[in-house]
Amino acid sequence: MTNQQAIAWFEARLAFQTDVSDVQAALAGGNPGFTLVDTRDLAAWRQGHVPGAVHLPRAMIPVRGDRLLDRDRPVVTYCWGPGCDGATKAALELARRGYAVKEMIGGIEYWIREGFAVETADGLVARPVDPLTAPVHL
């Protein structure tokens, strides 16, 4: 493998993936420049989702995608976590439909593990930071 191949690989990953810390920082800034899409089913959405996310399961993209999303605004998809490819499948579907899209690697699992709040029927809920995934600030 050449250095040029490595550069191309990592540039491509960064072009189409983002992580939970970058998404959280963008959302906290108030104007993230993208629409965050939760691709999980309704039961998972109700259990807890990233505040400000749009609920759009992959199977509903053909039905509701154009109503919920602006083609001129980039989209970031997420699902459960690294063991789930729902966000990848949704990102592919959205890209095929002409949307600029990235996948949030780590999914809601790493969102929660990093101590970021999720929205539930009872309001915002945050769990302690998992020291295996993010620094614990004492």
C-alpha atoms as a PDB file:
ATOM      1  CA  MET A   1       0.000   0.000   0.000  1.00  0.00           C
ATOM      2  CA  THR A   2       1.333   3.415  -0.887  1.00  0.00           C
ATOM      3  CA  ASN A   3       1.085   6.565   1.152  1.00  0.00           C
ATOM      4  CA  GLN A   4      -1.198   8.036  -1.537  1.00  0.00           C
ATOM      5  CA  GLN A   5      -3.589   5.097  -1.141  1.00  0.00           C
ATOM      6  CA  ALA A   6      -3.662   5.602   2.614  1.00  0.00           C
ATOM      7  CA  ILE A   7      -4.358   9.310   2.175  1.00  0.00           C
ATOM      8  CA  ALA A   8      -7.195   8.590  -0.268  1.00  0.00           C
ATOM      9  CA  TRP A   9      -8.691   5.985   2.110  1.00  0.00           C
ATOM     10  CA  PHE A  10      -8.687   8.280   5.137  1.00  0.00           C
ATOM     11  CA  GLU A  11      -9.939  11.272   3.163  1.00  0.00           C
ATOM     12  CA  ALA A  12     -12.847   9.165   1.884  1.00  0.00           C
ATOM     13  CA  ARG A  13     -13.705   7.981   5.406  1.00  0.00           C
ATOM     14  CA  LEU A  14     -13.730  11.543   6.711  1.00  0.00           C
ATOM     15  CA  ALA A  15     -15.842  12.666   3.754  1.00  0.00           C
ATOM     16  CA  PHE A  16     -18.585  10.154   4.572  1.00  0.00           C
ATOM     17  CA  GLN A  17     -18.313   9.565   8.322  1.00  0.00           C
ATOM     18  CA  THR A  18     -18.403  11.707  11.421  1.00  0.00           C
ATOM     19  CA  ASP A  19     -18.284  10.810  15.093  1.00  0.00           C
ATOM     20  CA  VAL A  20     -20.565  11.488  18.041  1.00  0.00           C
ATOM     21  CA  SER A  21     -18.306  14.149  19.558  1.00  0.00           C
ATOM     22  CA  ASP A  22     -18.259  16.175  16.340  1.00  0.00           C
ATOM     23  CA  VAL A  23     -22.033  15.821  15.933  1.00  0.00           C
ATOM     24  CA  GLN A  24     -22.644  16.870  19.543  1.00  0.00           C
ATOM     25  CA  ALA A  25     -20.356  19.897  19.177  1.00  0.00           C
ATOM     26  CA  ALA A  26     -22.128  20.948  15.980  1.00  0.00           C
ATOM     27  CA  LEU A  27     -25.579  20.551  17.561  1.00  0.00           C
ATOM     28  CA  ALA A  28     -24.475  22.471  20.668  1.00  0.00           C
ATOM     29  CA  GLY A  29     -23.393  25.339  18.425  1.00  0.00           C
ATOM     30  CA  GLY A  30     -27.009  25.845  17.421  1.00  0.00           C
ATOM     31  CA  ASN A  31     -26.572  25.692  13.641  1.00  0.00           C
ATOM     32  CA  PRO A  32     -25.017  22.343  12.807  1.00  0.00           C
ATOM     33  CA  GLY A  33     -25.401  22.657   9.030  1.00  0.00           C
ATOM     34  CA  PHE A  34     -26.986  19.213   8.727  1.00  0.00           C
ATOM     35  CA  THR A  35     -30.107  17.280   9.640  1.00  0.00           C
ATOM     36  CA  LEU A  36     -29.509  14.399  12.041  1.00  0.00           C
ATOM     37  CA  VAL A  37     -31.572  11.303  11.198  1.00  0.00           C
ATOM     38  CA  ASP A  38     -32.323   8.447  13.592  1.00  0.00           C
ATOM     39  CA  THR A  39     -32.874   5.368  11.432  1.00  0.00           C
ATOM     40  CA  ARG A  40     -34.061   2.999  14.185  1.00  0.00           C
ATOM     41  CA  ASP A  41     -37.606   1.716  14.634  1.00  0.00           C
ATOM     42  CA  LEU A  42     -40.295   3.503  16.630  1.00  0.00           C
ATOM     43  CA  ALA A  43     -39.761   1.517  19.839  1.00  0.00           C
ATOM     44  CA  ALA A  44     -36.058   2.418  19.833  1.00  0.00           C
ATOM     45  CA  TRP A  45     -36.845   6.084  19.053  1.00  0.00           C
ATOM     46  CA  ARG A  46     -39.251   6.235  21.993  1.00  0.00           C
ATOM     47  CA  GLN A  47     -36.680   4.623  24.279  1.00  0.00           C
ATOM     48  CA  GLY A  48     -34.393   7.584  23.636  1.00  0.00           C
ATOM     49  CA  HIS A  49     -32.927   9.564  20.755  1.00  0.00           C
ATOM     50  CA  VAL A  50     -30.480  12.370  20.146  1.00  0.00           C
ATOM     51  CA  PRO A  51     -32.204  15.697  20.851  1.00  0.00           C
ATOM     52  CA  GLY A  52     -33.053  17.450  17.606  1.00  0.00           C
ATOM     53  CA  ALA A  53     -32.889  14.306  15.485  1.00  0.00           C
ATOM     54  CA  VAL A  54     -35.514  13.463  12.891  1.00  0.00           C
ATOM     55  CA  HIS A  55     -37.044   9.982  13.094  1.00  0.00           C
ATOM     56  CA  LEU A  56     -36.817   8.318   9.695  1.00  0.00           C
ATOM     57  CA  PRO A  57     -36.390   4.530   9.637  1.00  0.00           C
ATOM     58  CA  ARG A  58     -34.714   3.276   6.484  1.00  0.00           C
ATOM     59  CA  ALA A  59     -37.863   1.573   5.203  1.00  0.00           C
ATOM     60  CA  MET A  60     -39.699   4.908   5.405  1.00  0.00           C
ATOM     61  CA  ILE A  61     -37.156   6.905   3.389  1.00  0.00           C
ATOM     62  CA  PRO A  62     -39.027   6.410   0.081  1.00  0.00           C
ATOM     63  CA  VAL A  63     -42.312   7.398   1.743  1.00  0.00           C
ATOM     64  CA  ARG A  64     -41.347  10.226   4.106  1.00  0.00           C
ATOM     65  CA  GLY A  65     -37.807  11.259   3.153  1.00  0.00           C
ATOM     66  CA  ASP A  66     -38.691  14.121   0.830  1.00  0.00           C
ATOM     67  CA  ARG A  67     -41.232  15.482   3.323  1.00  0.00           C
ATOM     68  CA  LEU A  68     -38.832  15.454   6.262  1.00  0.00           C
ATOM     69  CA  LEU A  69     -35.537  16.345   4.603  1.00  0.00           C
ATOM     70  CA  ASP A  70     -34.221  19.224   2.519  1.00  0.00           C
ATOM     71  CA  ARG A  71     -32.103  18.051  -0.416  1.00  0.00           C
ATOM     72  CA  ASP A  72     -29.971  21.200  -0.061  1.00  0.00           C
ATOM     73  CA  ARG A  73     -29.029  20.373   3.543  1.00  0.00           C
ATOM     74  CA  PRO A  74     -26.597  17.540   4.334  1.00  0.00           C
ATOM     75  CA  VAL A  75     -27.874  14.599   6.355  1.00  0.00           C
ATOM     76  CA  VAL A  76     -26.121  12.614   9.099  1.00  0.00           C
ATOM     77  CA  THR A  77     -27.561   9.175   9.885  1.00  0.00           C
ATOM     78  CA  TYR A  78     -27.255   7.051  13.004  1.00  0.00           C
ATOM     79  CA  CYS A  79     -28.609   3.796  14.408  1.00  0.00           C
ATOM     80  CA  TRP A  80     -27.809   1.666  17.480  1.00  0.00           C
ATOM     81  CA  GLY A  81     -24.039   1.385  17.375  1.00  0.00           C
ATOM     82  CA  PRO A  82     -21.005  -0.175  15.748  1.00  0.00           C
ATOM     83  CA  GLY A  83     -22.708  -3.563  15.528  1.00  0.00           C
ATOM     84  CA  CYS A  84     -25.607  -2.151  13.507  1.00  0.00           C
ATOM     85  CA  ASP A  85     -25.489  -1.221   9.840  1.00  0.00           C
ATOM     86  CA  GLY A  86     -28.883   0.499   9.742  1.00  0.00           C
ATOM     87  CA  ALA A  87     -27.298   3.937   9.486  1.00  0.00           C
ATOM     88  CA  THR A  88     -25.066   2.735   6.649  1.00  0.00           C
ATOM     89  CA  LYS A  89     -28.031   1.299   4.739  1.00  0.00           C
ATOM     90  CA  ALA A  90     -30.029   4.499   5.295  1.00  0.00           C
ATOM     91  CA  ALA A  91     -27.079   6.637   4.191  1.00  0.00           C
ATOM     92  CA  LEU A  92     -26.783   4.574   1.015  1.00  0.00           C
ATOM     93  CA  GLU A  93     -30.522   4.926   0.333  1.00  0.00           C
ATOM     94  CA  LEU A  94     -30.358   8.699   0.882  1.00  0.00           C
ATOM     95  CA  ALA A  95     -27.261   9.029  -1.323  1.00  0.00           C
ATOM     96  CA  ARG A  96     -29.052   7.115  -4.081  1.00  0.00           C
ATOM     97  CA  ARG A  97     -31.874   9.659  -3.771  1.00  0.00           C
ATOM     98  CA  GLY A  98     -29.506  12.591  -4.212  1.00  0.00           C
ATOM     99  CA  TYR A  99     -28.839  13.665  -0.624  1.00  0.00           C
ATOM    100  CA  ALA A 100     -25.393  14.605   0.656  1.00  0.00           C
ATOM    101  CA  VAL A 101     -24.998  12.224   3.576  1.00  0.00           C
ATOM    102  CA  LYS A 102     -22.603  11.072   6.284  1.00  0.00           C
ATOM    103  CA  GLU A 103     -22.880   8.340   8.876  1.00  0.00           C
ATOM    104  CA  MET A 104     -22.371   9.028  12.582  1.00  0.00           C
ATOM    105  CA  ILE A 105     -20.040   6.224  13.624  1.00  0.00           C
ATOM    106  CA  GLY A 106     -20.693   4.762  17.043  1.00  0.00           C
ATOM    107  CA  GLY A 107     -24.433   5.414  16.833  1.00  0.00           C
ATOM    108  CA  ILE A 108     -26.556   6.207  19.830  1.00  0.00           C
ATOM    109  CA  GLU A 109     -24.589   3.674  21.876  1.00  0.00           C
ATOM    110  CA  TYR A 110     -21.487   5.838  21.812  1.00  0.00           C
ATOM    111  CA  TRP A 111     -23.552   9.008  22.139  1.00  0.00           C
ATOM    112  CA  ILE A 112     -24.814   7.655  25.451  1.00  0.00           C
ATOM    113  CA  ARG A 113     -21.446   6.200  26.491  1.00  0.00           C
ATOM    114  CA  GLU A 114     -19.829   9.613  26.047  1.00  0.00           C
ATOM    115  CA  GLY A 115     -22.363  11.050  28.496  1.00  0.00           C
ATOM    116  CA  PHE A 116     -24.460  13.036  26.023  1.00  0.00           C
ATOM    117  CA  ALA A 117     -28.167  13.392  26.815  1.00  0.00           C
ATOM    118  CA  VAL A 118     -30.941  11.568  24.994  1.00  0.00           C
ATOM    119  CA  GLU A 119     -34.501  12.739  24.688  1.00  0.00           C
ATOM    120  CA  THR A 120     -37.168  10.471  26.189  1.00  0.00           C
ATOM    121  CA  ALA A 121     -40.840  10.823  27.064  1.00  0.00           C
ATOM    122  CA  ASP A 122     -39.655  11.950  30.518  1.00  0.00           C
ATOM    123  CA  GLY A 123     -37.352  14.646  29.110  1.00  0.00           C
ATOM    124  CA  LEU A 124     -33.591  14.711  28.683  1.00  0.00           C
ATOM    125  CA  VAL A 125     -31.652  11.897  30.314  1.00  0.00           C
ATOM    126  CA  ALA A 126     -27.863  11.623  30.527  1.00  0.00           C
ATOM    127  CA  ARG A 127     -25.841   8.759  31.940  1.00  0.00           C
ATOM    128  CA  PRO A 128     -22.372   8.987  33.422  1.00  0.00           C
ATOM    129  CA  VAL A 129     -19.491   8.986  30.960  1.00  0.00           C
ATOM    130  CA  ASP A 130     -18.069   5.543  30.249  1.00  0.00           C
ATOM    131  CA  PRO A 131     -14.349   5.859  31.056  1.00  0.00           C
ATOM    132  CA  LEU A 132     -13.576   3.313  28.333  1.00  0.00           C
ATOM    133  CA  THR A 133     -14.882   5.646  25.613  1.00  0.00           C
ATOM    134  CA  ALA A 134     -14.397   9.201  26.836  1.00  0.00           C
ATOM    135  CA  PRO A 135     -12.421  11.071  29.479  1.00  0.00           C
ATOM    136  CA  VAL A 136     -14.111  11.378  32.844  1.00  0.00           C
ATOM    137  CA  HIS A 137     -13.937  14.962  34.085  1.00  0.00           C
ATOM    138  CA  LEU A 138     -13.766  15.076  37.876  1.00  0.00           C
END
